[in-house]
Amino acid sequence: MPTISAFADEISPDLKTQMDVCASVGVHCIDVRGIDNTNVSQFTLKQTRDYKKMFDDRQFTMPCVGSPLGKIRIDEAFGPHLDLLKHCCDVAHIFDAKYIRIFSFYGPLAGQVADHRRQVLDNLWQMVKVAQDAEIVLLHENEHAIYGDLPGRVKELFAEIKSPHFQGIFDPGNFVHEGLKPFDDCWTQGLAELTQYFHIKDKATPEAPACCPAGQGNGQCREILADAKKRGFDGYMTLEPHMQQAGQFSGFTGPELFVKAAEGLRKICDEVGMDWK
């Protein structure tokens, strides 16, 4: 049975408020991206333990560290980035999280990331080896302007990096941003088999400044989740609504619109007969 989670920093920077709103819509799972205006990759271990106690006290779980790893230029220093990954692995262990969300690098200031395929793969392999040693799974998200932004290059990454510690996130809203039909052009073209995790956002057009509840844009969320149900999907579906603001490293939705986003996902689940927890 799939689990609904949330990037709850889209509700508020305050963890108690994040939990209160999530609980009000039946969600008791949070992918931590930010708390108290601090990105999860910058938490101290003491902060992490304090937040973990708050999670335990409210019986919330945290499956995935919503890191920005891989959102650097391919020509930037990579050693410090690997050190940050090791820190994120420590944070994940404290939270009892299995996953860390990552990306596949931007191009240099003068040039395209597609021209740096070998370096992208080398960097990702180094990250996968760190994750393997830490018994963590890296989840690659399709994202605008990184190497793995389009379905062909996503498939290329997974054809080259064959490891149980490297798995895929499918974000329909991000594919709409690229001018694609997420079900027709992406899901049915080989990405369904590579998806272990969803980020749930929807978008009306590539140019739209913000997103909308699942099912109200052109993300083909109904078709995707109906097929995922047929395939026996039982992973996580993380709400990332971006309904007020969509930024490079985070988004904002607010409490009231977050409730509408949760209702949109639950409505689709009901329509396709997908139970959730």
C-alpha atoms as a PDB file:
ATOM      1  CA  MET A   1       0.000   0.000   0.000  1.00  0.00           C
ATOM      2  CA  PRO A   2       1.521   3.375  -0.980  1.00  0.00           C
ATOM      3  CA  THR A   3       2.311   5.946   1.700  1.00  0.00           C
ATOM      4  CA  ILE A   4       1.555   9.652   1.296  1.00  0.00           C
ATOM      5  CA  SER A   5       4.377  11.850   2.555  1.00  0.00           C
ATOM      6  CA  ALA A   6       5.052  15.580   2.254  1.00  0.00           C
ATOM      7  CA  PHE A   7       7.657  18.246   1.848  1.00  0.00           C
ATOM      8  CA  ALA A   8       6.072  19.939   4.814  1.00  0.00           C
ATOM      9  CA  ASP A   9       8.313  23.002   4.730  1.00  0.00           C
ATOM     10  CA  GLU A  10       5.869  24.077   2.012  1.00  0.00           C
ATOM     11  CA  ILE A  11       3.393  24.590   4.874  1.00  0.00           C
ATOM     12  CA  SER A  12       5.569  26.505   7.332  1.00  0.00           C
ATOM     13  CA  PRO A  13       9.171  26.623   8.577  1.00  0.00           C
ATOM     14  CA  ASP A  14       7.882  25.530  12.010  1.00  0.00           C
ATOM     15  CA  LEU A  15       7.905  21.763  12.548  1.00  0.00           C
ATOM     16  CA  LYS A  16       4.917  21.739  14.912  1.00  0.00           C
ATOM     17  CA  THR A  17       2.832  23.582  12.315  1.00  0.00           C
ATOM     18  CA  GLN A  18       4.045  21.220   9.609  1.00  0.00           C
ATOM     19  CA  MET A  19       2.927  18.227  11.679  1.00  0.00           C
ATOM     20  CA  ASP A  20      -0.395  19.790  12.699  1.00  0.00           C
ATOM     21  CA  VAL A  21      -1.427  20.470   9.083  1.00  0.00           C
ATOM     22  CA  CYS A  22      -0.199  17.092   7.823  1.00  0.00           C
ATOM     23  CA  ALA A  23      -2.053  15.278  10.601  1.00  0.00           C
ATOM     24  CA  SER A  24      -5.236  17.208   9.758  1.00  0.00           C
ATOM     25  CA  VAL A  25      -5.277  15.541   6.323  1.00  0.00           C
ATOM     26  CA  GLY A  26      -4.276  12.092   7.579  1.00  0.00           C
ATOM     27  CA  VAL A  27      -0.592  12.336   6.646  1.00  0.00           C
ATOM     28  CA  HIS A  28       1.932  11.226   9.278  1.00  0.00           C
ATOM     29  CA  CYS A  29       5.004  11.049   7.093  1.00  0.00           C
ATOM     30  CA  ILE A  30       7.352  13.922   6.150  1.00  0.00           C
ATOM     31  CA  ASP A  31      10.287  14.041   3.753  1.00  0.00           C
ATOM     32  CA  VAL A  32      12.364  16.634   5.583  1.00  0.00           C
ATOM     33  CA  ARG A  33      13.715  19.343   3.283  1.00  0.00           C
ATOM     34  CA  GLY A  34      13.704  22.261   5.692  1.00  0.00           C
ATOM     35  CA  ILE A  35      12.834  23.123   9.284  1.00  0.00           C
ATOM     36  CA  ASP A  36      13.215  26.522  10.961  1.00  0.00           C
ATOM     37  CA  ASN A  37      14.422  28.009   7.651  1.00  0.00           C
ATOM     38  CA  THR A  38      17.384  25.628   7.563  1.00  0.00           C
ATOM     39  CA  ASN A  39      17.932  23.068   4.823  1.00  0.00           C
ATOM     40  CA  VAL A  40      18.190  19.489   6.043  1.00  0.00           C
ATOM     41  CA  SER A  41      21.723  19.191   4.644  1.00  0.00           C
ATOM     42  CA  GLN A  42      22.790  21.911   7.087  1.00  0.00           C
ATOM     43  CA  PHE A  43      21.302  20.375  10.254  1.00  0.00           C
ATOM     44  CA  THR A  44      23.767  19.639  13.011  1.00  0.00           C
ATOM     45  CA  LEU A  45      23.534  16.138  14.424  1.00  0.00           C
ATOM     46  CA  LYS A  46      22.156  17.597  17.674  1.00  0.00           C
ATOM     47  CA  GLN A  47      19.425  19.443  15.768  1.00  0.00           C
ATOM     48  CA  THR A  48      18.637  16.238  13.917  1.00  0.00           C
ATOM     49  CA  ARG A  49      18.250  14.275  17.153  1.00  0.00           C
ATOM     50  CA  ASP A  50      15.998  16.998  18.603  1.00  0.00           C
ATOM     51  CA  TYR A  51      13.785  16.920  15.494  1.00  0.00           C
ATOM     52  CA  LYS A  52      13.735  13.119  15.546  1.00  0.00           C
ATOM     53  CA  LYS A  53      12.383  13.214  19.101  1.00  0.00           C
ATOM     54  CA  MET A  54       9.590  15.521  17.924  1.00  0.00           C
ATOM     55  CA  PHE A  55       8.811  13.057  15.127  1.00  0.00           C
ATOM     56  CA  ASP A  56       8.722  10.146  17.565  1.00  0.00           C
ATOM     57  CA  ASP A  57       6.558  12.043  20.062  1.00  0.00           C
ATOM     58  CA  ARG A  58       3.939  12.627  17.334  1.00  0.00           C
ATOM     59  CA  GLN A  59       4.395   9.178  15.729  1.00  0.00           C
ATOM     60  CA  PHE A  60       5.601  10.685  12.454  1.00  0.00           C
ATOM     61  CA  THR A  61       8.053   8.918  10.166  1.00  0.00           C
ATOM     62  CA  MET A  62      10.667  10.347   7.788  1.00  0.00           C
ATOM     63  CA  PRO A  63      11.589   8.117   4.827  1.00  0.00           C
ATOM     64  CA  CYS A  64      13.716  10.461   2.729  1.00  0.00           C
ATOM     65  CA  VAL A  65      16.182  13.310   3.283  1.00  0.00           C
ATOM     66  CA  GLY A  66      15.135  16.026   0.814  1.00  0.00           C
ATOM     67  CA  SER A  67      18.675  17.159   0.071  1.00  0.00           C
ATOM     68  CA  PRO A  68      19.831  19.531  -2.707  1.00  0.00           C
ATOM     69  CA  LEU A  69      22.752  17.212  -3.533  1.00  0.00           C
ATOM     70  CA  GLY A  70      23.601  17.309  -7.218  1.00  0.00           C
ATOM     71  CA  LYS A  71      22.285  20.854  -7.641  1.00  0.00           C
ATOM     72  CA  ILE A  72      25.721  22.254  -8.356  1.00  0.00           C
ATOM     73  CA  ARG A  73      27.494  22.982 -11.633  1.00  0.00           C
ATOM     74  CA  ILE A  74      29.407  20.065 -13.048  1.00  0.00           C
ATOM     75  CA  ASP A  75      32.606  22.170 -12.992  1.00  0.00           C
ATOM     76  CA  GLU A  76      32.339  23.069  -9.290  1.00  0.00           C
ATOM     77  CA  ALA A  77      34.518  21.402  -6.656  1.00  0.00           C
ATOM     78  CA  PHE A  78      33.096  17.947  -6.017  1.00  0.00           C
ATOM     79  CA  GLY A  79      35.035  16.868  -2.891  1.00  0.00           C
ATOM     80  CA  PRO A  80      33.046  19.112  -0.516  1.00  0.00           C
ATOM     81  CA  HIS A  81      29.854  17.807  -2.116  1.00  0.00           C
ATOM     82  CA  LEU A  82      30.808  14.227  -1.278  1.00  0.00           C
ATOM     83  CA  ASP A  83      31.496  15.316   2.296  1.00  0.00           C
ATOM     84  CA  LEU A  84      28.019  16.861   2.405  1.00  0.00           C
ATOM     85  CA  LEU A  85      26.559  13.568   1.190  1.00  0.00           C
ATOM     86  CA  LYS A  86      28.322  11.741   4.034  1.00  0.00           C
ATOM     87  CA  HIS A  87      26.799  14.216   6.487  1.00  0.00           C
ATOM     88  CA  CYS A  88      23.364  13.689   4.938  1.00  0.00           C
ATOM     89  CA  CYS A  89      23.832   9.941   5.412  1.00  0.00           C
ATOM     90  CA  ASP A  90      24.439  10.586   9.126  1.00  0.00           C
ATOM     91  CA  VAL A  91      21.283  12.715   9.243  1.00  0.00           C
ATOM     92  CA  ALA A  92      19.332   9.975   7.469  1.00  0.00           C
ATOM     93  CA  HIS A  93      20.478   7.350   9.977  1.00  0.00           C
ATOM     94  CA  ILE A  94      19.340   9.473  12.921  1.00  0.00           C
ATOM     95  CA  PHE A  95      15.922   9.869  11.284  1.00  0.00           C
ATOM     96  CA  ASP A  96      15.802   6.132  10.411  1.00  0.00           C
ATOM     97  CA  ALA A  97      15.444   7.219   6.784  1.00  0.00           C
ATOM     98  CA  LYS A  98      16.355   4.856   3.974  1.00  0.00           C
ATOM     99  CA  TYR A  99      16.540   7.401   1.147  1.00  0.00           C
ATOM    100  CA  ILE A 100      18.294  10.643   0.151  1.00  0.00           C
ATOM    101  CA  ARG A 101      16.937  12.676  -2.771  1.00  0.00           C
ATOM    102  CA  ILE A 102      19.583  13.836  -5.290  1.00  0.00           C
ATOM    103  CA  PHE A 103      19.968  15.501  -8.698  1.00  0.00           C
ATOM    104  CA  SER A 104      22.366  15.059 -11.621  1.00  0.00           C
ATOM    105  CA  PHE A 105      24.162  18.421 -11.901  1.00  0.00           C
ATOM    106  CA  TYR A 106      23.867  21.646 -13.851  1.00  0.00           C
ATOM    107  CA  GLY A 107      26.052  22.583 -16.793  1.00  0.00           C
ATOM    108  CA  PRO A 108      29.001  24.969 -16.473  1.00  0.00           C
ATOM    109  CA  LEU A 109      28.464  28.705 -16.792  1.00  0.00           C
ATOM    110  CA  ALA A 110      29.423  28.533 -20.461  1.00  0.00           C
ATOM    111  CA  GLY A 111      28.125  25.264 -21.846  1.00  0.00           C
ATOM    112  CA  GLN A 112      25.527  22.507 -21.586  1.00  0.00           C
ATOM    113  CA  VAL A 113      25.485  19.724 -19.024  1.00  0.00           C
ATOM    114  CA  ALA A 114      24.765  17.229 -21.832  1.00  0.00           C
ATOM    115  CA  ASP A 115      28.322  17.835 -23.055  1.00  0.00           C
ATOM    116  CA  HIS A 116      29.690  16.550 -19.724  1.00  0.00           C
ATOM    117  CA  ARG A 117      28.123  13.095 -19.690  1.00  0.00           C
ATOM    118  CA  ARG A 118      31.242  11.271 -18.492  1.00  0.00           C
ATOM    119  CA  GLN A 119      31.787  13.625 -15.553  1.00  0.00           C
ATOM    120  CA  VAL A 120      28.124  13.393 -14.546  1.00  0.00           C
ATOM    121  CA  LEU A 121      28.336   9.608 -14.486  1.00  0.00           C
ATOM    122  CA  ASP A 122      31.652   9.606 -12.622  1.00  0.00           C
ATOM    123  CA  ASN A 123      30.271  11.949  -9.968  1.00  0.00           C
ATOM    124  CA  LEU A 124      27.093   9.925  -9.545  1.00  0.00           C
ATOM    125  CA  TRP A 125      29.068   6.691  -9.233  1.00  0.00           C
ATOM    126  CA  GLN A 126      31.146   8.233  -6.444  1.00  0.00           C
ATOM    127  CA  MET A 127      27.929   9.272  -4.690  1.00  0.00           C
ATOM    128  CA  VAL A 128      26.442   5.796  -5.111  1.00  0.00           C
ATOM    129  CA  LYS A 129      29.551   4.239  -3.547  1.00  0.00           C
ATOM    130  CA  VAL A 130      29.219   6.524  -0.501  1.00  0.00           C
ATOM    131  CA  ALA A 131      25.526   5.587  -0.233  1.00  0.00           C
ATOM    132  CA  GLN A 132      26.316   1.897  -0.566  1.00  0.00           C
ATOM    133  CA  ASP A 133      28.855   2.078   2.263  1.00  0.00           C
ATOM    134  CA  ALA A 134      26.263   3.883   4.399  1.00  0.00           C
ATOM    135  CA  GLU A 135      23.430   1.489   3.435  1.00  0.00           C
ATOM    136  CA  ILE A 136      21.434   4.385   1.974  1.00  0.00           C
ATOM    137  CA  VAL A 137      19.513   4.564  -1.317  1.00  0.00           C
ATOM    138  CA  LEU A 138      19.924   7.658  -3.499  1.00  0.00           C
ATOM    139  CA  LEU A 139      16.763   8.764  -5.302  1.00  0.00           C
ATOM    140  CA  HIS A 140      17.314  10.719  -8.521  1.00  0.00           C
ATOM    141  CA  GLU A 141      14.647  13.318  -9.317  1.00  0.00           C
ATOM    142  CA  ASN A 142      13.958  14.612 -12.821  1.00  0.00           C
ATOM    143  CA  GLU A 143      14.482  18.353 -12.541  1.00  0.00           C
ATOM    144  CA  HIS A 144      14.761  21.281 -14.951  1.00  0.00           C
ATOM    145  CA  ALA A 145      18.232  22.008 -16.376  1.00  0.00           C
ATOM    146  CA  ILE A 146      20.069  19.082 -14.772  1.00  0.00           C
ATOM    147  CA  TYR A 147      21.462  16.179 -16.820  1.00  0.00           C
ATOM    148  CA  GLY A 148      18.467  13.976 -15.981  1.00  0.00           C
ATOM    149  CA  ASP A 149      15.766  16.471 -16.927  1.00  0.00           C
ATOM    150  CA  LEU A 150      14.367  14.600 -19.947  1.00  0.00           C
ATOM    151  CA  PRO A 151      13.229  10.961 -20.126  1.00  0.00           C
ATOM    152  CA  GLY A 152      15.929   9.876 -22.544  1.00  0.00           C
ATOM    153  CA  ARG A 153      18.726  11.042 -20.268  1.00  0.00           C
ATOM    154  CA  VAL A 154      17.003   9.659 -17.169  1.00  0.00           C
ATOM    155  CA  LYS A 155      16.976   6.247 -18.867  1.00  0.00           C
ATOM    156  CA  GLU A 156      20.610   6.716 -19.846  1.00  0.00           C
ATOM    157  CA  LEU A 157      21.618   7.343 -16.223  1.00  0.00           C
ATOM    158  CA  PHE A 158      19.947   4.150 -15.057  1.00  0.00           C
ATOM    159  CA  ALA A 159      21.354   2.145 -17.965  1.00  0.00           C
ATOM    160  CA  GLU A 160      24.862   3.204 -16.920  1.00  0.00           C
ATOM    161  CA  ILE A 161      24.475   3.126 -13.120  1.00  0.00           C
ATOM    162  CA  LYS A 162      23.050  -0.236 -12.180  1.00  0.00           C
ATOM    163  CA  SER A 163      22.882  -0.349  -8.400  1.00  0.00           C
ATOM    164  CA  PRO A 164      20.165  -0.992  -5.809  1.00  0.00           C
ATOM    165  CA  HIS A 165      21.489   2.174  -4.139  1.00  0.00           C
ATOM    166  CA  PHE A 166      20.429   4.337  -7.110  1.00  0.00           C
ATOM    167  CA  GLN A 167      16.698   4.527  -7.811  1.00  0.00           C
ATOM    168  CA  GLY A 168      14.240   6.874  -9.457  1.00  0.00           C
ATOM    169  CA  ILE A 169      11.771   9.595  -8.479  1.00  0.00           C
ATOM    170  CA  PHE A 170       9.072  10.523 -11.003  1.00  0.00           C
ATOM    171  CA  ASP A 171       7.853  14.133 -10.812  1.00  0.00           C
ATOM    172  CA  PRO A 172       5.060  14.809 -13.353  1.00  0.00           C
ATOM    173  CA  GLY A 173       5.006  18.564 -12.746  1.00  0.00           C
ATOM    174  CA  ASN A 174       8.679  18.856 -13.631  1.00  0.00           C
ATOM    175  CA  PHE A 175       8.077  17.055 -16.914  1.00  0.00           C
ATOM    176  CA  VAL A 176       5.233  19.471 -17.733  1.00  0.00           C
ATOM    177  CA  HIS A 177       7.762  22.263 -17.176  1.00  0.00           C
ATOM    178  CA  GLU A 178       9.826  20.689 -19.975  1.00  0.00           C
ATOM    179  CA  GLY A 179       6.842  20.800 -22.343  1.00  0.00           C
ATOM    180  CA  LEU A 180       6.205  17.051 -22.112  1.00  0.00           C
ATOM    181  CA  LYS A 181       3.132  14.919 -21.490  1.00  0.00           C
ATOM    182  CA  PRO A 182       4.252  12.985 -18.405  1.00  0.00           C
ATOM    183  CA  PHE A 183       2.224   9.817 -19.056  1.00  0.00           C
ATOM    184  CA  ASP A 184       2.498   9.672 -22.835  1.00  0.00           C
ATOM    185  CA  ASP A 185       6.073  10.932 -23.269  1.00  0.00           C
ATOM    186  CA  CYS A 186       7.734   9.735 -20.066  1.00  0.00           C
ATOM    187  CA  TRP A 187       5.927   7.142 -17.941  1.00  0.00           C
ATOM    188  CA  THR A 188       5.015   4.838 -20.829  1.00  0.00           C
ATOM    189  CA  GLN A 189       8.383   5.341 -22.522  1.00  0.00           C
ATOM    190  CA  GLY A 190      10.411   3.376 -20.000  1.00  0.00           C
ATOM    191  CA  LEU A 191      10.276   5.474 -16.848  1.00  0.00           C
ATOM    192  CA  ALA A 192       7.526   3.443 -15.158  1.00  0.00           C
ATOM    193  CA  GLU A 193      10.000   0.597 -14.741  1.00  0.00           C
ATOM    194  CA  LEU A 194      12.551   2.956 -13.164  1.00  0.00           C
ATOM    195  CA  THR A 195      10.231   4.622 -10.627  1.00  0.00           C
ATOM    196  CA  GLN A 196      10.347   3.743  -6.945  1.00  0.00           C
ATOM    197  CA  TYR A 197       9.066   7.072  -5.597  1.00  0.00           C
ATOM    198  CA  PHE A 198       6.781   9.927  -6.630  1.00  0.00           C
ATOM    199  CA  HIS A 199       6.890  13.650  -6.057  1.00  0.00           C
ATOM    200  CA  ILE A 200       3.328  14.820  -6.535  1.00  0.00           C
ATOM    201  CA  LYS A 201       2.924  18.175  -8.184  1.00  0.00           C
ATOM    202  CA  ASP A 202       0.892  19.190 -11.212  1.00  0.00           C
ATOM    203  CA  LYS A 203       1.221  22.126 -13.584  1.00  0.00           C
ATOM    204  CA  ALA A 204      -1.042  23.676 -16.186  1.00  0.00           C
ATOM    205  CA  THR A 205       1.639  24.903 -18.628  1.00  0.00           C
ATOM    206  CA  PRO A 206       5.430  25.106 -18.757  1.00  0.00           C
ATOM    207  CA  GLU A 207       5.188  28.864 -18.232  1.00  0.00           C
ATOM    208  CA  ALA A 208       2.856  28.767 -15.200  1.00  0.00           C
ATOM    209  CA  PRO A 209       4.587  30.492 -12.240  1.00  0.00           C
ATOM    210  CA  ALA A 210       3.174  28.019  -9.707  1.00  0.00           C
ATOM    211  CA  CYS A 211       1.643  24.554  -9.626  1.00  0.00           C
ATOM    212  CA  CYS A 212      -1.842  23.211  -8.922  1.00  0.00           C
ATOM    213  CA  PRO A 213      -3.366  20.224  -7.110  1.00  0.00           C
ATOM    214  CA  ALA A 214      -2.804  16.846  -8.735  1.00  0.00           C
ATOM    215  CA  GLY A 215      -5.353  16.248 -11.465  1.00  0.00           C
ATOM    216  CA  GLN A 216      -5.999  19.927 -12.205  1.00  0.00           C
ATOM    217  CA  GLY A 217      -3.100  20.480 -14.601  1.00  0.00           C
ATOM    218  CA  ASN A 218      -1.501  18.679 -17.514  1.00  0.00           C
ATOM    219  CA  GLY A 219       0.572  16.265 -15.423  1.00  0.00           C
ATOM    220  CA  GLN A 220      -1.624  13.275 -16.375  1.00  0.00           C
ATOM    221  CA  CYS A 221      -1.549  12.234 -12.711  1.00  0.00           C
ATOM    222  CA  ARG A 222      -4.677  10.052 -12.962  1.00  0.00           C
ATOM    223  CA  GLU A 223      -3.281   8.023 -15.830  1.00  0.00           C
ATOM    224  CA  ILE A 224       0.093   7.633 -14.126  1.00  0.00           C
ATOM    225  CA  LEU A 225      -1.285   6.558 -10.745  1.00  0.00           C
ATOM    226  CA  ALA A 226      -3.862   4.248 -12.335  1.00  0.00           C
ATOM    227  CA  ASP A 227      -1.050   2.449 -14.143  1.00  0.00           C
ATOM    228  CA  ALA A 228       1.155   2.504 -11.041  1.00  0.00           C
ATOM    229  CA  LYS A 229      -1.649   0.742  -9.170  1.00  0.00           C
ATOM    230  CA  LYS A 230      -1.827  -1.948 -11.869  1.00  0.00           C
ATOM    231  CA  ARG A 231       1.914  -2.419 -11.490  1.00  0.00           C
ATOM    232  CA  GLY A 232       1.552  -2.909  -7.726  1.00  0.00           C
ATOM    233  CA  PHE A 233       3.301   0.310  -6.688  1.00  0.00           C
ATOM    234  CA  ASP A 234       3.630   0.422  -2.886  1.00  0.00           C
ATOM    235  CA  GLY A 235       6.236   3.146  -2.340  1.00  0.00           C
ATOM    236  CA  TYR A 236       5.962   6.779  -1.307  1.00  0.00           C
ATOM    237  CA  MET A 237       3.997   9.604  -2.921  1.00  0.00           C
ATOM    238  CA  THR A 238       5.392  12.849  -1.549  1.00  0.00           C
ATOM    239  CA  LEU A 239       3.318  16.004  -1.852  1.00  0.00           C
ATOM    240  CA  GLU A 240       5.448  18.853  -3.222  1.00  0.00           C
ATOM    241  CA  PRO A 241       2.663  21.236  -4.268  1.00  0.00           C
ATOM    242  CA  HIS A 242       4.566  24.481  -5.098  1.00  0.00           C
ATOM    243  CA  MET A 243       1.174  26.196  -5.226  1.00  0.00           C
ATOM    244  CA  GLN A 244       2.300  29.700  -4.235  1.00  0.00           C
ATOM    245  CA  GLN A 245       5.950  29.704  -5.161  1.00  0.00           C
ATOM    246  CA  ALA A 246       8.222  27.362  -7.107  1.00  0.00           C
ATOM    247  CA  GLY A 247      11.916  28.020  -6.538  1.00  0.00           C
ATOM    248  CA  GLN A 248      15.185  26.386  -7.518  1.00  0.00           C
ATOM    249  CA  PHE A 249      15.770  24.830  -4.103  1.00  0.00           C
ATOM    250  CA  SER A 250      12.333  24.832  -2.492  1.00  0.00           C
ATOM    251  CA  GLY A 251       8.726  25.907  -2.908  1.00  0.00           C
ATOM    252  CA  PHE A 252       5.930  27.316  -0.768  1.00  0.00           C
ATOM    253  CA  THR A 253       2.258  26.442  -0.575  1.00  0.00           C
ATOM    254  CA  GLY A 254       0.911  27.514   2.829  1.00  0.00           C
ATOM    255  CA  PRO A 255      -1.459  25.620   5.131  1.00  0.00           C
ATOM    256  CA  GLU A 256      -4.747  26.235   3.311  1.00  0.00           C
ATOM    257  CA  LEU A 257      -3.483  25.386  -0.160  1.00  0.00           C
ATOM    258  CA  PHE A 258      -1.565  22.401   1.183  1.00  0.00           C
ATOM    259  CA  VAL A 259      -4.869  20.939   2.376  1.00  0.00           C
ATOM    260  CA  LYS A 260      -6.246  21.389  -1.161  1.00  0.00           C
ATOM    261  CA  ALA A 261      -3.163  19.680  -2.582  1.00  0.00           C
ATOM    262  CA  ALA A 262      -3.665  16.708  -0.262  1.00  0.00           C
ATOM    263  CA  GLU A 263      -7.329  16.546  -1.202  1.00  0.00           C
ATOM    264  CA  GLY A 264      -6.381  16.492  -4.885  1.00  0.00           C
ATOM    265  CA  LEU A 265      -4.072  13.513  -4.450  1.00  0.00           C
ATOM    266  CA  ARG A 266      -6.570  11.630  -2.275  1.00  0.00           C
ATOM    267  CA  LYS A 267      -9.292  12.243  -4.877  1.00  0.00           C
ATOM    268  CA  ILE A 268      -7.168  10.669  -7.609  1.00  0.00           C
ATOM    269  CA  CYS A 269      -6.328   7.725  -5.353  1.00  0.00           C
ATOM    270  CA  ASP A 270     -10.032   7.168  -4.775  1.00  0.00           C
ATOM    271  CA  GLU A 271     -10.820   7.422  -8.493  1.00  0.00           C
ATOM    272  CA  VAL A 272      -8.192   4.834  -9.482  1.00  0.00           C
ATOM    273  CA  GLY A 273      -8.904   2.544  -6.506  1.00  0.00           C
ATOM    274  CA  MET A 274      -5.522   3.047  -4.854  1.00  0.00           C
ATOM    275  CA  ASP A 275      -5.531   2.629  -1.101  1.00  0.00           C
ATOM    276  CA  TRP A 276      -2.962   4.652   0.810  1.00  0.00           C
ATOM    277  CA  LYS A 277      -1.653   5.178   4.299  1.00  0.00           C
END
